[in-house]
C-alpha cells in the first residue's frame, strides 16, 4: 500500500555560526523549526513575486483600458462631427 505522507528530501546548507544563530533565533521567536522557517520564508518570497506580477499586469490592463477609452471617445467625437457636417450640407 502506498504511503500518503508527503515525500521529503534532506537539504544541507553551509553558513556561518552567526547565520545559524540568526536562523535559530528567528525560528524560536516564531515558535517553529528552522526547517519550517526556511520553507515559509521561501514560499512567501514566491508569493511576493506572484503578487508583484499580478500588480504589474493589473497596471497594464488599466493603461490599456484608458487608451481604449480615449480612442473610443475620439471615434465618437469624430463620428458626431461627420454627422453634423452631413446634416449642414444636406
C-alpha atoms as a PDB file:
ATOM      1  CA  UNK A   1       0.000   0.000   0.000  1.00  0.00           C
ATOM      2  CA  UNK A   2       1.391   3.430  -0.962  1.00  0.00           C
ATOM      3  CA  UNK A   3       2.080   5.926   1.793  1.00  0.00           C
ATOM      4  CA  UNK A   4       0.071   9.147   1.713  1.00  0.00           C
ATOM      5  CA  UNK A   5       2.737  11.069   3.653  1.00  0.00           C
ATOM      6  CA  UNK A   6       4.463  13.877   1.791  1.00  0.00           C
ATOM      7  CA  UNK A   7       7.812  12.913   0.381  1.00  0.00           C
ATOM      8  CA  UNK A   8      10.680  14.955   1.722  1.00  0.00           C
ATOM      9  CA  UNK A   9      14.363  15.271   0.982  1.00  0.00           C
ATOM     10  CA  UNK A  10      17.148  16.498   3.183  1.00  0.00           C
ATOM     11  CA  UNK A  11      18.816  19.730   2.106  1.00  0.00           C
ATOM     12  CA  UNK A  12      22.129  20.667   3.641  1.00  0.00           C
ATOM     13  CA  UNK A  13      23.382  24.242   3.537  1.00  0.00           C
ATOM     14  CA  UNK A  14      26.540  25.798   4.858  1.00  0.00           C
ATOM     15  CA  UNK A  15      26.608  29.072   6.715  1.00  0.00           C
ATOM     16  CA  UNK A  16      28.496  30.965   9.321  1.00  0.00           C
ATOM     17  CA  UNK A  17      27.843  30.365  13.014  1.00  0.00           C
ATOM     18  CA  UNK A  18      26.222  33.811  13.081  1.00  0.00           C
ATOM     19  CA  UNK A  19      23.837  32.845  10.265  1.00  0.00           C
ATOM     20  CA  UNK A  20      22.910  29.622  12.063  1.00  0.00           C
ATOM     21  CA  UNK A  21      22.309  31.588  15.268  1.00  0.00           C
ATOM     22  CA  UNK A  22      20.156  34.056  13.317  1.00  0.00           C
ATOM     23  CA  UNK A  23      18.041  31.249  11.821  1.00  0.00           C
ATOM     24  CA  UNK A  24      17.727  29.512  15.180  1.00  0.00           C
ATOM     25  CA  UNK A  25      16.703  32.757  16.871  1.00  0.00           C
ATOM     26  CA  UNK A  26      14.143  33.611  14.191  1.00  0.00           C
ATOM     27  CA  UNK A  27      12.658  30.116  14.340  1.00  0.00           C
ATOM     28  CA  UNK A  28      12.477  30.209  18.142  1.00  0.00           C
ATOM     29  CA  UNK A  29      10.868  33.662  18.060  1.00  0.00           C
ATOM     30  CA  UNK A  30       8.188  32.342  15.683  1.00  0.00           C
ATOM     31  CA  UNK A  31       7.792  29.073  17.589  1.00  0.00           C
ATOM     32  CA  UNK A  32       8.707  26.877  14.619  1.00  0.00           C
ATOM     33  CA  UNK A  33      11.622  24.732  13.483  1.00  0.00           C
ATOM     34  CA  UNK A  34      14.448  26.143  11.390  1.00  0.00           C
ATOM     35  CA  UNK A  35      13.244  23.968   8.501  1.00  0.00           C
ATOM     36  CA  UNK A  36       9.738  25.392   8.733  1.00  0.00           C
ATOM     37  CA  UNK A  37      11.144  28.921   8.977  1.00  0.00           C
ATOM     38  CA  UNK A  38      13.099  28.453   5.747  1.00  0.00           C
ATOM     39  CA  UNK A  39      10.129  26.848   3.957  1.00  0.00           C
ATOM     40  CA  UNK A  40       7.795  29.669   4.969  1.00  0.00           C
ATOM     41  CA  UNK A  41      10.232  32.432   4.078  1.00  0.00           C
ATOM     42  CA  UNK A  42      10.915  30.896   0.658  1.00  0.00           C
ATOM     43  CA  UNK A  43       7.214  30.373  -0.034  1.00  0.00           C
ATOM     44  CA  UNK A  44       6.495  33.961   0.997  1.00  0.00           C
ATOM     45  CA  UNK A  45       9.121  35.192  -1.484  1.00  0.00           C
ATOM     46  CA  UNK A  46       7.360  33.305  -4.297  1.00  0.00           C
ATOM     47  CA  UNK A  47       4.008  34.751  -3.225  1.00  0.00           C
ATOM     48  CA  UNK A  48       5.526  38.240  -3.220  1.00  0.00           C
ATOM     49  CA  UNK A  49       6.844  37.701  -6.764  1.00  0.00           C
ATOM     50  CA  UNK A  50       3.415  36.430  -7.840  1.00  0.00           C
ATOM     51  CA  UNK A  51       1.743  39.476  -6.263  1.00  0.00           C
ATOM     52  CA  UNK A  52       4.222  41.809  -7.971  1.00  0.00           C
ATOM     53  CA  UNK A  53       3.450  40.146 -11.306  1.00  0.00           C
ATOM     54  CA  UNK A  54      -0.302  40.500 -10.744  1.00  0.00           C
ATOM     55  CA  UNK A  55       0.082  44.159  -9.805  1.00  0.00           C
ATOM     56  CA  UNK A  56       2.120  44.748 -12.947  1.00  0.00           C
ATOM     57  CA  UNK A  57      -0.474  43.007 -15.117  1.00  0.00           C
ATOM     58  CA  UNK A  58      -3.278  44.982 -13.475  1.00  0.00           C
ATOM     59  CA  UNK A  59      -1.423  48.215 -14.239  1.00  0.00           C
ATOM     60  CA  UNK A  60      -1.043  47.160 -17.888  1.00  0.00           C
ATOM     61  CA  UNK A  61      -4.783  46.391 -18.089  1.00  0.00           C
ATOM     62  CA  UNK A  62      -5.607  49.772 -16.512  1.00  0.00           C
ATOM     63  CA  UNK A  63      -3.375  51.597 -19.015  1.00  0.00           C
ATOM     64  CA  UNK A  64      -4.797  49.638 -21.951  1.00  0.00           C
ATOM     65  CA  UNK A  65      -8.342  50.376 -20.765  1.00  0.00           C
ATOM     66  CA  UNK A  66      -7.618  54.098 -20.507  1.00  0.00           C
ATOM     67  CA  UNK A  67      -6.086  54.093 -24.011  1.00  0.00           C
ATOM     68  CA  UNK A  68      -9.083  52.224 -25.401  1.00  0.00           C
ATOM     69  CA  UNK A  69     -11.471  54.663 -23.720  1.00  0.00           C
ATOM     70  CA  UNK A  70      -9.626  57.635 -25.226  1.00  0.00           C
ATOM     71  CA  UNK A  71      -9.710  56.020 -28.673  1.00  0.00           C
ATOM     72  CA  UNK A  72     -13.431  55.310 -28.371  1.00  0.00           C
ATOM     73  CA  UNK A  73     -14.158  58.858 -27.223  1.00  0.00           C
ATOM     74  CA  UNK A  74     -12.150  60.264 -30.142  1.00  0.00           C
ATOM     75  CA  UNK A  75     -14.008  57.964 -32.548  1.00  0.00           C
ATOM     76  CA  UNK A  76     -17.369  59.061 -31.177  1.00  0.00           C
ATOM     77  CA  UNK A  77     -16.347  62.712 -31.378  1.00  0.00           C
ATOM     78  CA  UNK A  78     -15.177  62.289 -34.981  1.00  0.00           C
ATOM     79  CA  UNK A  79     -18.408  60.474 -35.898  1.00  0.00           C
ATOM     80  CA  UNK A  80     -20.523  63.215 -34.315  1.00  0.00           C
ATOM     81  CA  UNK A  81     -18.588  65.851 -36.252  1.00  0.00           C
ATOM     82  CA  UNK A  82     -19.059  63.936 -39.502  1.00  0.00           C
ATOM     83  CA  UNK A  83     -22.805  63.599 -38.864  1.00  0.00           C
ATOM     84  CA  UNK A  84     -23.060  67.318 -38.049  1.00  0.00           C
ATOM     85  CA  UNK A  85     -21.265  68.232 -41.285  1.00  0.00           C
ATOM     86  CA  UNK A  86     -23.541  65.930 -43.271  1.00  0.00           C
ATOM     87  CA  UNK A  87     -26.609  67.489 -41.622  1.00  0.00           C
ATOM     88  CA  UNK A  88     -25.424  71.005 -42.501  1.00  0.00           C
ATOM     89  CA  UNK A  89     -24.687  70.040 -46.102  1.00  0.00           C
ATOM     90  CA  UNK A  90     -27.990  68.290 -46.746  1.00  0.00           C
END
